[in-house]
Structures are given as structure tokens and as C-alpha cells.
Amino acid sequence: QALTKDTILVSVMMVNNETGAVMPIAQMAKLVHRVCPEAIFHTDAVQG
């Protein structure tokens, strides 16, 4: 719902460093590349 034609970067951490929540990074990255092909997807995987 947040993606727009002007989105250039999405940054979502892989594992939250306080709660241990694991984010669906592979699905998120594929979604971004499908909807916004030129946007860059970054993940902070330090805790993952």
C-alpha cells in the first residue's frame, strides 16, 4: 500500500534487534521489484 511511482528505496530489517520479529524479506524484495522496477531494496541483516 505504501509503494508509489516515486519510490526509489525500500529498507526493511531482516530481524528486529529487540523483539526477534522476522520480516518477509524475500517476498518484500520481489514485490518492490515488480511494482517499482527501478527502486532499490535494502535489508539490514545484522541480526539475521
PDB file of all heavy atoms in Angstrom:
ATOM      1  N   GLN A   1       0.815  -1.218   0.000  1.00  0.00           N
ATOM      2  CA  GLN A   1       0.000   0.000   0.000  1.00  0.00           C
ATOM      3  C   GLN A   1       0.853   1.276   0.000  1.00  0.00           C
ATOM      4  O   GLN A   1       0.395   2.332  -0.443  1.00  0.00           O
ATOM      5  CB  GLN A   1      -0.928  -0.003   1.206  1.00  0.00           C
ATOM      6  CG  GLN A   1      -2.008  -1.077   1.155  1.00  0.00           C
ATOM      7  CD  GLN A   1      -2.909  -1.043   2.368  1.00  0.00           C
ATOM      8  OE1 GLN A   1      -3.129  -0.001   2.970  1.00  0.00           O
ATOM      9  NE2 GLN A   1      -3.447  -2.204   2.739  1.00  0.00           N
ATOM     10  N   ALA A   2       2.085   1.165   0.491  1.00  0.00           N
ATOM     11  CA  ALA A   2       2.939   2.352   0.610  1.00  0.00           C
ATOM     12  C   ALA A   2       3.709   2.663  -0.666  1.00  0.00           C
ATOM     13  O   ALA A   2       4.170   3.802  -0.856  1.00  0.00           O
ATOM     14  CB  ALA A   2       3.919   2.168   1.765  1.00  0.00           C
ATOM     15  N   LEU A   3       3.868   1.697  -1.562  1.00  0.00           N
ATOM     16  CA  LEU A   3       4.659   1.904  -2.777  1.00  0.00           C
ATOM     17  C   LEU A   3       3.982   2.891  -3.710  1.00  0.00           C
ATOM     18  O   LEU A   3       2.768   2.848  -3.912  1.00  0.00           O
ATOM     19  CB  LEU A   3       4.876   0.576  -3.496  1.00  0.00           C
ATOM     20  CG  LEU A   3       5.796  -0.433  -2.796  1.00  0.00           C
ATOM     21  CD1 LEU A   3       5.685  -1.805  -3.455  1.00  0.00           C
ATOM     22  CD2 LEU A   3       7.247   0.051  -2.808  1.00  0.00           C
ATOM     23  N   THR A   4       4.771   3.791  -4.283  1.00  0.00           N
ATOM     24  CA  THR A   4       4.277   4.757  -5.258  1.00  0.00           C
ATOM     25  C   THR A   4       5.231   4.799  -6.446  1.00  0.00           C
ATOM     26  O   THR A   4       6.335   4.231  -6.406  1.00  0.00           O
ATOM     27  CB  THR A   4       4.154   6.172  -4.658  1.00  0.00           C
ATOM     28  OG1 THR A   4       5.485   6.742  -4.551  1.00  0.00           O
ATOM     29  CG2 THR A   4       3.510   6.150  -3.283  1.00  0.00           C
ATOM     30  N   LYS A   5       4.830   5.506  -7.467  1.00  0.00           N
ATOM     31  CA  LYS A   5       5.688   5.626  -8.651  1.00  0.00           C
ATOM     32  C   LYS A   5       6.965   6.389  -8.344  1.00  0.00           C
ATOM     33  O   LYS A   5       7.950   6.313  -9.106  1.00  0.00           O
ATOM     34  CB  LYS A   5       4.928   6.306  -9.795  1.00  0.00           C
ATOM     35  CG  LYS A   5       4.474   7.723  -9.494  1.00  0.00           C
ATOM     36  CD  LYS A   5       3.699   8.309 -10.669  1.00  0.00           C
ATOM     37  CE  LYS A   5       3.193   9.725 -10.374  1.00  0.00           C
ATOM     38  NZ  LYS A   5       4.264  10.678 -10.091  1.00  0.00           N
ATOM     39  N   ASP A   6       6.981   7.149  -7.238  1.00  0.00           N
ATOM     40  CA  ASP A   6       8.164   7.925  -6.871  1.00  0.00           C
ATOM     41  C   ASP A   6       9.069   7.199  -5.878  1.00  0.00           C
ATOM     42  O   ASP A   6      10.097   7.747  -5.468  1.00  0.00           O
ATOM     43  CB  ASP A   6       7.735   9.262  -6.259  1.00  0.00           C
ATOM     44  CG  ASP A   6       7.029  10.156  -7.259  1.00  0.00           C
ATOM     45  OD1 ASP A   6       7.472  10.190  -8.423  1.00  0.00           O
ATOM     46  OD2 ASP A   6       6.046  10.813  -6.887  1.00  0.00           O
ATOM     47  N   THR A   7       8.712   5.974  -5.484  1.00  0.00           N
ATOM     48  CA  THR A   7       9.524   5.233  -4.516  1.00  0.00           C
ATOM     49  C   THR A   7      10.849   4.827  -5.149  1.00  0.00           C
ATOM     50  O   THR A   7      10.874   4.177  -6.206  1.00  0.00           O
ATOM     51  CB  THR A   7       8.785   3.982  -4.018  1.00  0.00           C
ATOM     52  OG1 THR A   7       7.535   4.356  -3.454  1.00  0.00           O
ATOM     53  CG2 THR A   7       9.623   3.259  -2.970  1.00  0.00           C
ATOM     54  N   ILE A   8      11.943   5.208  -4.487  1.00  0.00           N
ATOM     55  CA  ILE A   8      13.266   4.866  -5.028  1.00  0.00           C
ATOM     56  C   ILE A   8      14.026   3.897  -4.136  1.00  0.00           C
ATOM     57  O   ILE A   8      14.961   3.227  -4.582  1.00  0.00           O
ATOM     58  CB  ILE A   8      14.128   6.126  -5.236  1.00  0.00           C
ATOM     59  CG1 ILE A   8      14.332   6.877  -3.905  1.00  0.00           C
ATOM     60  CG2 ILE A   8      13.517   7.033  -6.306  1.00  0.00           C
ATOM     61  CD1 ILE A   8      15.406   7.942  -3.956  1.00  0.00           C
ATOM     62  N   LEU A   9      13.639   3.793  -2.860  1.00  0.00           N
ATOM     63  CA  LEU A   9      14.358   2.938  -1.919  1.00  0.00           C
ATOM     64  C   LEU A   9      13.394   2.380  -0.891  1.00  0.00           C
ATOM     65  O   LEU A   9      12.545   3.111  -0.369  1.00  0.00           O
ATOM     66  CB  LEU A   9      15.463   3.733  -1.203  1.00  0.00           C
ATOM     67  CG  LEU A   9      16.161   3.052  -0.022  1.00  0.00           C
ATOM     68  CD1 LEU A   9      16.951   1.826  -0.474  1.00  0.00           C
ATOM     69  CD2 LEU A   9      17.079   4.034   0.718  1.00  0.00           C
ATOM     70  N   VAL A  10      13.541   1.088  -0.612  1.00  0.00           N
ATOM     71  CA  VAL A  10      12.840   0.451   0.496  1.00  0.00           C
ATOM     72  C   VAL A  10      13.895  -0.222   1.360  1.00  0.00           C
ATOM     73  O   VAL A  10      14.731  -0.977   0.846  1.00  0.00           O
ATOM     74  CB  VAL A  10      11.807  -0.587   0.015  1.00  0.00           C
ATOM     75  CG1 VAL A  10      11.166  -1.302   1.200  1.00  0.00           C
ATOM     76  CG2 VAL A  10      10.748   0.074  -0.853  1.00  0.00           C
ATOM     77  N   SER A  11      13.887   0.076   2.662  1.00  0.00           N
ATOM     78  CA  SER A  11      14.840  -0.521   3.591  1.00  0.00           C
ATOM     79  C   SER A  11      14.081  -1.140   4.753  1.00  0.00           C
ATOM     80  O   SER A  11      13.431  -0.431   5.525  1.00  0.00           O
ATOM     81  CB  SER A  11      15.829   0.535   4.105  1.00  0.00           C
ATOM     82  OG  SER A  11      16.782  -0.059   4.970  1.00  0.00           O
ATOM     83  N   VAL A  12      14.146  -2.469   4.863  1.00  0.00           N
ATOM     84  CA  VAL A  12      13.444  -3.204   5.914  1.00  0.00           C
ATOM     85  C   VAL A  12      14.424  -4.177   6.560  1.00  0.00           C
ATOM     86  O   VAL A  12      15.069  -4.970   5.865  1.00  0.00           O
ATOM     87  CB  VAL A  12      12.240  -3.989   5.356  1.00  0.00           C
ATOM     88  CG1 VAL A  12      11.529  -4.763   6.470  1.00  0.00           C
ATOM     89  CG2 VAL A  12      11.257  -3.055   4.649  1.00  0.00           C
ATOM     90  N   MET A  13      14.534  -4.128   7.887  1.00  0.00           N
ATOM     91  CA  MET A  13      15.458  -5.014   8.582  1.00  0.00           C
ATOM     92  C   MET A  13      14.977  -6.458   8.503  1.00  0.00           C
ATOM     93  O   MET A  13      13.781  -6.738   8.453  1.00  0.00           O
ATOM     94  CB  MET A  13      15.642  -4.577  10.040  1.00  0.00           C
ATOM     95  CG  MET A  13      14.431  -4.760  10.926  1.00  0.00           C
ATOM     96  SD  MET A  13      14.529  -3.903  12.531  1.00  0.00           S
ATOM     97  CE  MET A  13      16.254  -3.876  12.934  1.00  0.00           C
ATOM     98  N   MET A  14      15.914  -7.383   8.492  1.00  0.00           N
ATOM     99  CA  MET A  14      15.575  -8.799   8.384  1.00  0.00           C
ATOM    100  C   MET A  14      15.027  -9.346   9.692  1.00  0.00           C
ATOM    101  O   MET A  14      14.001 -10.042   9.714  1.00  0.00           O
ATOM    102  CB  MET A  14      16.818  -9.590   7.958  1.00  0.00           C
ATOM    103  CG  MET A  14      16.577 -11.069   7.753  1.00  0.00           C
ATOM    104  SD  MET A  14      18.040 -11.921   7.130  1.00  0.00           S
ATOM    105  CE  MET A  14      18.120 -11.314   5.440  1.00  0.00           C
ATOM    106  N   VAL A  15      15.706  -9.046  10.794  1.00  0.00           N
ATOM    107  CA  VAL A  15      15.299  -9.496  12.130  1.00  0.00           C
ATOM    108  C   VAL A  15      15.354  -8.295  13.057  1.00  0.00           C
ATOM    109  O   VAL A  15      16.390  -7.619  13.141  1.00  0.00           O
ATOM    110  CB  VAL A  15      16.220 -10.607  12.662  1.00  0.00           C
ATOM    111  CG1 VAL A  15      15.884 -10.948  14.110  1.00  0.00           C
ATOM    112  CG2 VAL A  15      16.122 -11.859  11.796  1.00  0.00           C
ATOM    113  N   ASN A  16      14.253  -8.041  13.753  1.00  0.00           N
ATOM    114  CA  ASN A  16      14.276  -6.914  14.681  1.00  0.00           C
ATOM    115  C   ASN A  16      15.171  -7.215  15.868  1.00  0.00           C
ATOM    116  O   ASN A  16      15.082  -8.286  16.479  1.00  0.00           O
ATOM    117  CB  ASN A  16      12.875  -6.573  15.161  1.00  0.00           C
ATOM    118  CG  ASN A  16      12.869  -5.327  16.013  1.00  0.00           C
ATOM    119  OD1 ASN A  16      12.905  -5.399  17.239  1.00  0.00           O
ATOM    120  ND2 ASN A  16      12.872  -4.160  15.386  1.00  0.00           N
ATOM    121  N   ASN A  17      16.012  -6.260  16.209  1.00  0.00           N
ATOM    122  CA  ASN A  17      17.015  -6.479  17.245  1.00  0.00           C
ATOM    123  C   ASN A  17      16.470  -6.448  18.663  1.00  0.00           C
ATOM    124  O   ASN A  17      17.168  -6.804  19.608  1.00  0.00           O
ATOM    125  CB  ASN A  17      18.137  -5.433  17.116  1.00  0.00           C
ATOM    126  CG  ASN A  17      17.613  -4.010  17.164  1.00  0.00           C
ATOM    127  OD1 ASN A  17      16.725  -3.651  16.410  1.00  0.00           O
ATOM    128  ND2 ASN A  17      18.160  -3.205  18.045  1.00  0.00           N
ATOM    129  N   GLU A  18      15.195  -6.055  18.838  1.00  0.00           N
ATOM    130  CA  GLU A  18      14.605  -6.048  20.177  1.00  0.00           C
ATOM    131  C   GLU A  18      13.603  -7.169  20.395  1.00  0.00           C
ATOM    132  O   GLU A  18      13.566  -7.776  21.469  1.00  0.00           O
ATOM    133  CB  GLU A  18      13.946  -4.693  20.457  1.00  0.00           C
ATOM    134  CG  GLU A  18      14.943  -3.550  20.555  1.00  0.00           C
ATOM    135  CD  GLU A  18      14.318  -2.292  21.122  1.00  0.00           C
ATOM    136  OE1 GLU A  18      13.498  -2.391  22.052  1.00  0.00           O
ATOM    137  OE2 GLU A  18      14.649  -1.202  20.621  1.00  0.00           O
ATOM    138  N   THR A  19      12.774  -7.451  19.390  1.00  0.00           N
ATOM    139  CA  THR A  19      11.710  -8.441  19.572  1.00  0.00           C
ATOM    140  C   THR A  19      11.983  -9.772  18.906  1.00  0.00           C
ATOM    141  O   THR A  19      11.295 -10.754  19.183  1.00  0.00           O
ATOM    142  CB  THR A  19      10.379  -7.905  19.012  1.00  0.00           C
ATOM    143  OG1 THR A  19      10.496  -7.774  17.581  1.00  0.00           O
ATOM    144  CG2 THR A  19      10.018  -6.563  19.637  1.00  0.00           C
ATOM    145  N   GLY A  20      12.951  -9.819  17.989  1.00  0.00           N
ATOM    146  CA  GLY A  20      13.205 -11.047  17.255  1.00  0.00           C
ATOM    147  C   GLY A  20      12.218 -11.309  16.136  1.00  0.00           C
ATOM    148  O   GLY A  20      12.214 -12.398  15.555  1.00  0.00           O
ATOM    149  N   ALA A  21      11.369 -10.333  15.801  1.00  0.00           N
ATOM    150  CA  ALA A  21      10.440 -10.499  14.681  1.00  0.00           C
ATOM    151  C   ALA A  21      11.223 -10.660  13.384  1.00  0.00           C
ATOM    152  O   ALA A  21      12.177  -9.926  13.127  1.00  0.00           O
ATOM    153  CB  ALA A  21       9.510  -9.289  14.588  1.00  0.00           C
ATOM    154  N   VAL A  22      10.824 -11.633  12.570  1.00  0.00           N
ATOM    155  CA  VAL A  22      11.475 -11.898  11.286  1.00  0.00           C
ATOM    156  C   VAL A  22      10.586 -11.369  10.168  1.00  0.00           C
ATOM    157  O   VAL A  22       9.415 -11.739  10.070  1.00  0.00           O
ATOM    158  CB  VAL A  22      11.724 -13.405  11.098  1.00  0.00           C
ATOM    159  CG1 VAL A  22      12.363 -13.679   9.736  1.00  0.00           C
ATOM    160  CG2 VAL A  22      12.630 -13.943  12.214  1.00  0.00           C
ATOM    161  N   MET A  23      11.132 -10.504   9.353  1.00  0.00           N
ATOM    162  CA  MET A  23      10.354  -9.877   8.287  1.00  0.00           C
ATOM    163  C   MET A  23      10.431 -10.718   7.001  1.00  0.00           C
ATOM    164  O   MET A  23      11.456 -11.368   6.743  1.00  0.00           O
ATOM    165  CB  MET A  23      10.858  -8.459   8.010  1.00  0.00           C
ATOM    166  CG  MET A  23      11.035  -7.602   9.247  1.00  0.00           C
ATOM    167  SD  MET A  23       9.536  -7.487  10.283  1.00  0.00           S
ATOM    168  CE  MET A  23      10.167  -6.525  11.664  1.00  0.00           C
ATOM    169  N   PRO A  24       9.380 -10.705   6.175  1.00  0.00           N
ATOM    170  CA  PRO A  24       9.363 -11.494   4.931  1.00  0.00           C
ATOM    171  C   PRO A  24      10.172 -10.820   3.820  1.00  0.00           C
ATOM    172  O   PRO A  24       9.631 -10.308   2.840  1.00  0.00           O
ATOM    173  CB  PRO A  24       7.877 -11.561   4.588  1.00  0.00           C
ATOM    174  CG  PRO A  24       7.305 -10.294   5.138  1.00  0.00           C
ATOM    175  CD  PRO A  24       8.088 -10.022   6.405  1.00  0.00           C
ATOM    176  N   ILE A  25      11.475 -10.814   3.988  1.00  0.00           N
ATOM    177  CA  ILE A  25      12.348 -10.022   3.119  1.00  0.00           C
ATOM    178  C   ILE A  25      12.277 -10.464   1.661  1.00  0.00           C
ATOM    179  O   ILE A  25      12.191  -9.629   0.758  1.00  0.00           O
ATOM    180  CB  ILE A  25      13.803 -10.074   3.633  1.00  0.00           C
ATOM    181  CG1 ILE A  25      13.902  -9.424   5.008  1.00  0.00           C
ATOM    182  CG2 ILE A  25      14.752  -9.389   2.645  1.00  0.00           C
ATOM    183  CD1 ILE A  25      13.449  -7.983   5.070  1.00  0.00           C
ATOM    184  N   ALA A  26      12.324 -11.768   1.394  1.00  0.00           N
ATOM    185  CA  ALA A  26      12.307 -12.226   0.001  1.00  0.00           C
ATOM    186  C   ALA A  26      11.038 -11.779  -0.713  1.00  0.00           C
ATOM    187  O   ALA A  26      11.089 -11.277  -1.842  1.00  0.00           O
ATOM    188  CB  ALA A  26      12.448 -13.742  -0.048  1.00  0.00           C
ATOM    189  N   GLN A  27       9.896 -11.937  -0.038  1.00  0.00           N
ATOM    190  CA  GLN A  27       8.631 -11.525  -0.652  1.00  0.00           C
ATOM    191  C   GLN A  27       8.568 -10.014  -0.824  1.00  0.00           C
ATOM    192  O   GLN A  27       8.059  -9.507  -1.824  1.00  0.00           O
ATOM    193  CB  GLN A  27       7.450 -12.000   0.196  1.00  0.00           C
ATOM    194  CG  GLN A  27       7.326 -13.508   0.309  1.00  0.00           C
ATOM    195  CD  GLN A  27       7.979 -14.037   1.573  1.00  0.00           C
ATOM    196  OE1 GLN A  27       9.111 -13.666   1.917  1.00  0.00           O
ATOM    197  NE2 GLN A  27       7.265 -14.911   2.269  1.00  0.00           N
ATOM    198  N   MET A  28       9.080  -9.286   0.163  1.00  0.00           N
ATOM    199  CA  MET A  28       9.081  -7.829   0.066  1.00  0.00           C
ATOM    200  C   MET A  28       9.943  -7.342  -1.092  1.00  0.00           C
ATOM    201  O   MET A  28       9.552  -6.451  -1.854  1.00  0.00           O
ATOM    202  CB  MET A  28       9.569  -7.226   1.380  1.00  0.00           C
ATOM    203  CG  MET A  28       8.569  -7.305   2.516  1.00  0.00           C
ATOM    204  SD  MET A  28       9.246  -6.598   4.046  1.00  0.00           S
ATOM    205  CE  MET A  28       7.736  -6.358   4.999  1.00  0.00           C
ATOM    206  N   ALA A  29      11.133  -7.927  -1.227  1.00  0.00           N
ATOM    207  CA  ALA A  29      12.034  -7.511  -2.300  1.00  0.00           C
ATOM    208  C   ALA A  29      11.415  -7.793  -3.670  1.00  0.00           C
ATOM    209  O   ALA A  29      11.480  -6.955  -4.584  1.00  0.00           O
ATOM    210  CB  ALA A  29      13.371  -8.226  -2.159  1.00  0.00           C
ATOM    211  N   LYS A  30      10.806  -8.955  -3.816  1.00  0.00           N
ATOM    212  CA  LYS A  30      10.174  -9.294  -5.095  1.00  0.00           C
ATOM    213  C   LYS A  30       9.003  -8.361  -5.401  1.00  0.00           C
ATOM    214  O   LYS A  30       8.798  -7.951  -6.552  1.00  0.00           O
ATOM    215  CB  LYS A  30       9.720 -10.750  -5.074  1.00  0.00           C
ATOM    216  CG  LYS A  30      10.888 -11.729  -5.100  1.00  0.00           C
ATOM    217  CD  LYS A  30      10.429 -13.162  -4.884  1.00  0.00           C
ATOM    218  CE  LYS A  30      11.640 -14.094  -4.815  1.00  0.00           C
ATOM    219  NZ  LYS A  30      11.260 -15.493  -4.473  1.00  0.00           N
ATOM    220  N   LEU A  31       8.234  -8.018  -4.366  1.00  0.00           N
ATOM    221  CA  LEU A  31       7.119  -7.085  -4.545  1.00  0.00           C
ATOM    222  C   LEU A  31       7.624  -5.734  -5.036  1.00  0.00           C
ATOM    223  O   LEU A  31       7.077  -5.151  -5.992  1.00  0.00           O
ATOM    224  CB  LEU A  31       6.365  -6.924  -3.229  1.00  0.00           C
ATOM    225  CG  LEU A  31       5.307  -5.818  -3.177  1.00  0.00           C
ATOM    226  CD1 LEU A  31       4.152  -6.138  -4.119  1.00  0.00           C
ATOM    227  CD2 LEU A  31       4.802  -5.620  -1.744  1.00  0.00           C
ATOM    228  N   VAL A  32       8.648  -5.217  -4.385  1.00  0.00           N
ATOM    229  CA  VAL A  32       9.198  -3.911  -4.761  1.00  0.00           C
ATOM    230  C   VAL A  32       9.700  -3.937  -6.200  1.00  0.00           C
ATOM    231  O   VAL A  32       9.424  -3.020  -6.991  1.00  0.00           O
ATOM    232  CB  VAL A  32      10.330  -3.501  -3.789  1.00  0.00           C
ATOM    233  CG1 VAL A  32      11.073  -2.279  -4.319  1.00  0.00           C
ATOM    234  CG2 VAL A  32       9.765  -3.218  -2.401  1.00  0.00           C
ATOM    235  N   HIS A  33      10.401  -4.992  -6.574  1.00  0.00           N
ATOM    236  CA  HIS A  33      10.948  -5.058  -7.923  1.00  0.00           C
ATOM    237  C   HIS A  33       9.854  -5.211  -8.977  1.00  0.00           C
ATOM    238  O   HIS A  33      10.021  -4.754 -10.115  1.00  0.00           O
ATOM    239  CB  HIS A  33      11.940  -6.217  -8.025  1.00  0.00           C
ATOM    240  CG  HIS A  33      13.191  -5.993  -7.240  1.00  0.00           C
ATOM    241  ND1 HIS A  33      13.918  -7.013  -6.675  1.00  0.00           N
ATOM    242  CD2 HIS A  33      13.838  -4.845  -6.895  1.00  0.00           C
ATOM    243  CE1 HIS A  33      14.965  -6.512  -6.037  1.00  0.00           C
ATOM    244  NE2 HIS A  33      14.930  -5.197  -6.155  1.00  0.00           N
ATOM    245  N   ARG A  34       8.736  -5.812  -8.596  1.00  0.00           N
ATOM    246  CA  ARG A  34       7.635  -5.957  -9.548  1.00  0.00           C
ATOM    247  C   ARG A  34       6.869  -4.645  -9.721  1.00  0.00           C
ATOM    248  O   ARG A  34       6.553  -4.246 -10.834  1.00  0.00           O
ATOM    249  CB  ARG A  34       6.681  -7.054  -9.063  1.00  0.00           C
ATOM    250  CG  ARG A  34       5.548  -7.354 -10.051  1.00  0.00           C
ATOM    251  CD  ARG A  34       4.694  -8.520  -9.634  1.00  0.00           C
ATOM    252  NE  ARG A  34       3.864  -8.214  -8.461  1.00  0.00           N
ATOM    253  CZ  ARG A  34       4.058  -8.713  -7.256  1.00  0.00           C
ATOM    254  NH1 ARG A  34       5.076  -9.540  -7.025  1.00  0.00           N
ATOM    255  NH2 ARG A  34       3.250  -8.400  -6.252  1.00  0.00           N
ATOM    256  N   VAL A  35       6.589  -3.959  -8.599  1.00  0.00           N
ATOM    257  CA  VAL A  35       5.784  -2.739  -8.643  1.00  0.00           C
ATOM    258  C   VAL A  35       6.621  -1.517  -9.027  1.00  0.00           C
ATOM    259  O   VAL A  35       6.157  -0.637  -9.759  1.00  0.00           O
ATOM    260  CB  VAL A  35       5.082  -2.515  -7.289  1.00  0.00           C
ATOM    261  CG1 VAL A  35       4.286  -1.209  -7.292  1.00  0.00           C
ATOM    262  CG2 VAL A  35       4.164  -3.688  -6.971  1.00  0.00           C
ATOM    263  N   CYS A  36       7.848  -1.463  -8.516  1.00  0.00           N
ATOM    264  CA  CYS A  36       8.742  -0.323  -8.775  1.00  0.00           C
ATOM    265  C   CYS A  36      10.071  -0.868  -9.292  1.00  0.00           C
ATOM    266  O   CYS A  36      11.044  -0.989  -8.527  1.00  0.00           O
ATOM    267  CB  CYS A  36       8.965   0.490  -7.506  1.00  0.00           C
ATOM    268  SG  CYS A  36       7.468   1.137  -6.758  1.00  0.00           S
ATOM    269  N   PRO A  37      10.149  -1.241 -10.551  1.00  0.00           N
ATOM    270  CA  PRO A  37      11.313  -1.952 -11.077  1.00  0.00           C
ATOM    271  C   PRO A  37      12.647  -1.239 -10.889  1.00  0.00           C
ATOM    272  O   PRO A  37      13.697  -1.895 -10.800  1.00  0.00           O
ATOM    273  CB  PRO A  37      10.989  -2.113 -12.573  1.00  0.00           C
ATOM    274  CG  PRO A  37       9.507  -2.008 -12.654  1.00  0.00           C
ATOM    275  CD  PRO A  37       9.113  -1.044 -11.580  1.00  0.00           C
ATOM    276  N   GLU A  38      12.624   0.085 -10.831  1.00  0.00           N
ATOM    277  CA  GLU A  38      13.884   0.814 -10.711  1.00  0.00           C
ATOM    278  C   GLU A  38      14.276   1.072  -9.252  1.00  0.00           C
ATOM    279  O   GLU A  38      15.394   1.512  -8.976  1.00  0.00           O
ATOM    280  CB  GLU A  38      13.791   2.142 -11.463  1.00  0.00           C
ATOM    281  CG  GLU A  38      13.654   1.963 -12.978  1.00  0.00           C
ATOM    282  CD  GLU A  38      13.628   3.276 -13.717  1.00  0.00           C
ATOM    283  OE1 GLU A  38      13.400   4.319 -13.066  1.00  0.00           O
ATOM    284  OE2 GLU A  38      13.833   3.278 -14.936  1.00  0.00           O
ATOM    285  N   ALA A  39      13.375   0.800  -8.315  1.00  0.00           N
ATOM    286  CA  ALA A  39      13.668   1.056  -6.908  1.00  0.00           C
ATOM    287  C   ALA A  39      14.687   0.052  -6.374  1.00  0.00           C
ATOM    288  O   ALA A  39      14.823  -1.069  -6.876  1.00  0.00           O
ATOM    289  CB  ALA A  39      12.388   0.997  -6.083  1.00  0.00           C
ATOM    290  N   ILE A  40      15.383   0.469  -5.329  1.00  0.00           N
ATOM    291  CA  ILE A  40      16.392  -0.371  -4.674  1.00  0.00           C
ATOM    292  C   ILE A  40      15.804  -0.920  -3.378  1.00  0.00           C
ATOM    293  O   ILE A  40      15.142  -0.205  -2.634  1.00  0.00           O
ATOM    294  CB  ILE A  40      17.661   0.466  -4.379  1.00  0.00           C
ATOM    295  CG1 ILE A  40      18.356   0.835  -5.694  1.00  0.00           C
ATOM    296  CG2 ILE A  40      18.622  -0.290  -3.466  1.00  0.00           C
ATOM    297  CD1 ILE A  40      19.502   1.820  -5.524  1.00  0.00           C
ATOM    298  N   PHE A  41      16.070  -2.202  -3.120  1.00  0.00           N
ATOM    299  CA  PHE A  41      15.619  -2.826  -1.871  1.00  0.00           C
ATOM    300  C   PHE A  41      16.834  -3.176  -1.024  1.00  0.00           C
ATOM    301  O   PHE A  41      17.722  -3.914  -1.457  1.00  0.00           O
ATOM    302  CB  PHE A  41      14.790  -4.081  -2.120  1.00  0.00           C
ATOM    303  CG  PHE A  41      14.165  -4.635  -0.856  1.00  0.00           C
ATOM    304  CD1 PHE A  41      12.884  -4.257  -0.476  1.00  0.00           C
ATOM    305  CD2 PHE A  41      14.881  -5.486  -0.018  1.00  0.00           C
ATOM    306  CE1 PHE A  41      12.311  -4.734   0.698  1.00  0.00           C
ATOM    307  CE2 PHE A  41      14.330  -5.973   1.158  1.00  0.00           C
ATOM    308  CZ  PHE A  41      13.043  -5.588   1.515  1.00  0.00           C
ATOM    309  N   HIS A  42      16.859  -2.657   0.203  1.00  0.00           N
ATOM    310  CA  HIS A  42      17.949  -2.916   1.154  1.00  0.00           C
ATOM    311  C   HIS A  42      17.406  -3.595   2.394  1.00  0.00           C
ATOM    312  O   HIS A  42      16.300  -3.281   2.855  1.00  0.00           O
ATOM    313  CB  HIS A  42      18.612  -1.595   1.561  1.00  0.00           C
ATOM    314  CG  HIS A  42      19.496  -1.731   2.775  1.00  0.00           C
ATOM    315  ND1 HIS A  42      19.154  -1.188   4.010  1.00  0.00           N
ATOM    316  CD2 HIS A  42      20.688  -2.358   2.965  1.00  0.00           C
ATOM    317  CE1 HIS A  42      20.107  -1.458   4.886  1.00  0.00           C
ATOM    318  NE2 HIS A  42      21.041  -2.171   4.281  1.00  0.00           N
ATOM    319  N   THR A  43      18.172  -4.532   2.932  1.00  0.00           N
ATOM    320  CA  THR A  43      17.833  -5.093   4.231  1.00  0.00           C
ATOM    321  C   THR A  43      19.038  -5.045   5.167  1.00  0.00           C
ATOM    322  O   THR A  43      20.155  -5.395   4.778  1.00  0.00           O
ATOM    323  CB  THR A  43      17.301  -6.540   4.119  1.00  0.00           C
ATOM    324  OG1 THR A  43      16.891  -6.991   5.414  1.00  0.00           O
ATOM    325  CG2 THR A  43      18.339  -7.503   3.562  1.00  0.00           C
ATOM    326  N   ASP A  44      18.783  -4.574   6.375  1.00  0.00           N
ATOM    327  CA  ASP A  44      19.758  -4.630   7.455  1.00  0.00           C
ATOM    328  C   ASP A  44      19.651  -6.038   8.037  1.00  0.00           C
ATOM    329  O   ASP A  44      18.721  -6.353   8.767  1.00  0.00           O
ATOM    330  CB  ASP A  44      19.416  -3.562   8.499  1.00  0.00           C
ATOM    331  CG  ASP A  44      20.296  -3.621   9.733  1.00  0.00           C
ATOM    332  OD1 ASP A  44      20.977  -4.638   9.939  1.00  0.00           O
ATOM    333  OD2 ASP A  44      20.266  -2.662  10.530  1.00  0.00           O
ATOM    334  N   ALA A  45      20.613  -6.884   7.684  1.00  0.00           N
ATOM    335  CA  ALA A  45      20.590  -8.293   8.102  1.00  0.00           C
ATOM    336  C   ALA A  45      21.530  -8.560   9.262  1.00  0.00           C
ATOM    337  O   ALA A  45      21.928  -9.713   9.492  1.00  0.00           O
ATOM    338  CB  ALA A  45      20.932  -9.196   6.919  1.00  0.00           C
ATOM    339  N   VAL A  46      21.879  -7.523  10.001  1.00  0.00           N
ATOM    340  CA  VAL A  46      22.847  -7.671  11.089  1.00  0.00           C
ATOM    341  C   VAL A  46      22.407  -8.725  12.100  1.00  0.00           C
ATOM    342  O   VAL A  46      23.209  -9.535  12.563  1.00  0.00           O
ATOM    343  CB  VAL A  46      23.103  -6.302  11.759  1.00  0.00           C
ATOM    344  CG1 VAL A  46      23.823  -6.469  13.093  1.00  0.00           C
ATOM    345  CG2 VAL A  46      23.912  -5.400  10.833  1.00  0.00           C
ATOM    346  N   GLN A  47      21.114  -8.730  12.465  1.00  0.00           N
ATOM    347  CA  GLN A  47      20.628  -9.718  13.433  1.00  0.00           C
ATOM    348  C   GLN A  47      20.154 -11.007  12.758  1.00  0.00           C
ATOM    349  O   GLN A  47      19.808 -11.973  13.464  1.00  0.00           O
ATOM    350  CB  GLN A  47      19.494  -9.125  14.273  1.00  0.00           C
ATOM    351  CG  GLN A  47      19.912  -7.992  15.183  1.00  0.00           C
ATOM    352  CD  GLN A  47      20.843  -8.430  16.302  1.00  0.00           C
ATOM    353  OE1 GLN A  47      21.001  -9.605  16.588  1.00  0.00           O
ATOM    354  NE2 GLN A  47      21.460  -7.456  16.954  1.00  0.00           N
ATOM    355  N   GLY A  48      20.135 -11.045  11.442  1.00  0.00           N
ATOM    356  CA  GLY A  48      19.706 -12.251  10.742  1.00  0.00           C
ATOM    357  C   GLY A  48      20.851 -13.101  10.235  1.00  0.00           C
ATOM    358  O   GLY A  48      20.700 -14.311  10.033  1.00  0.00           O
TER     359      GLY A  48
END
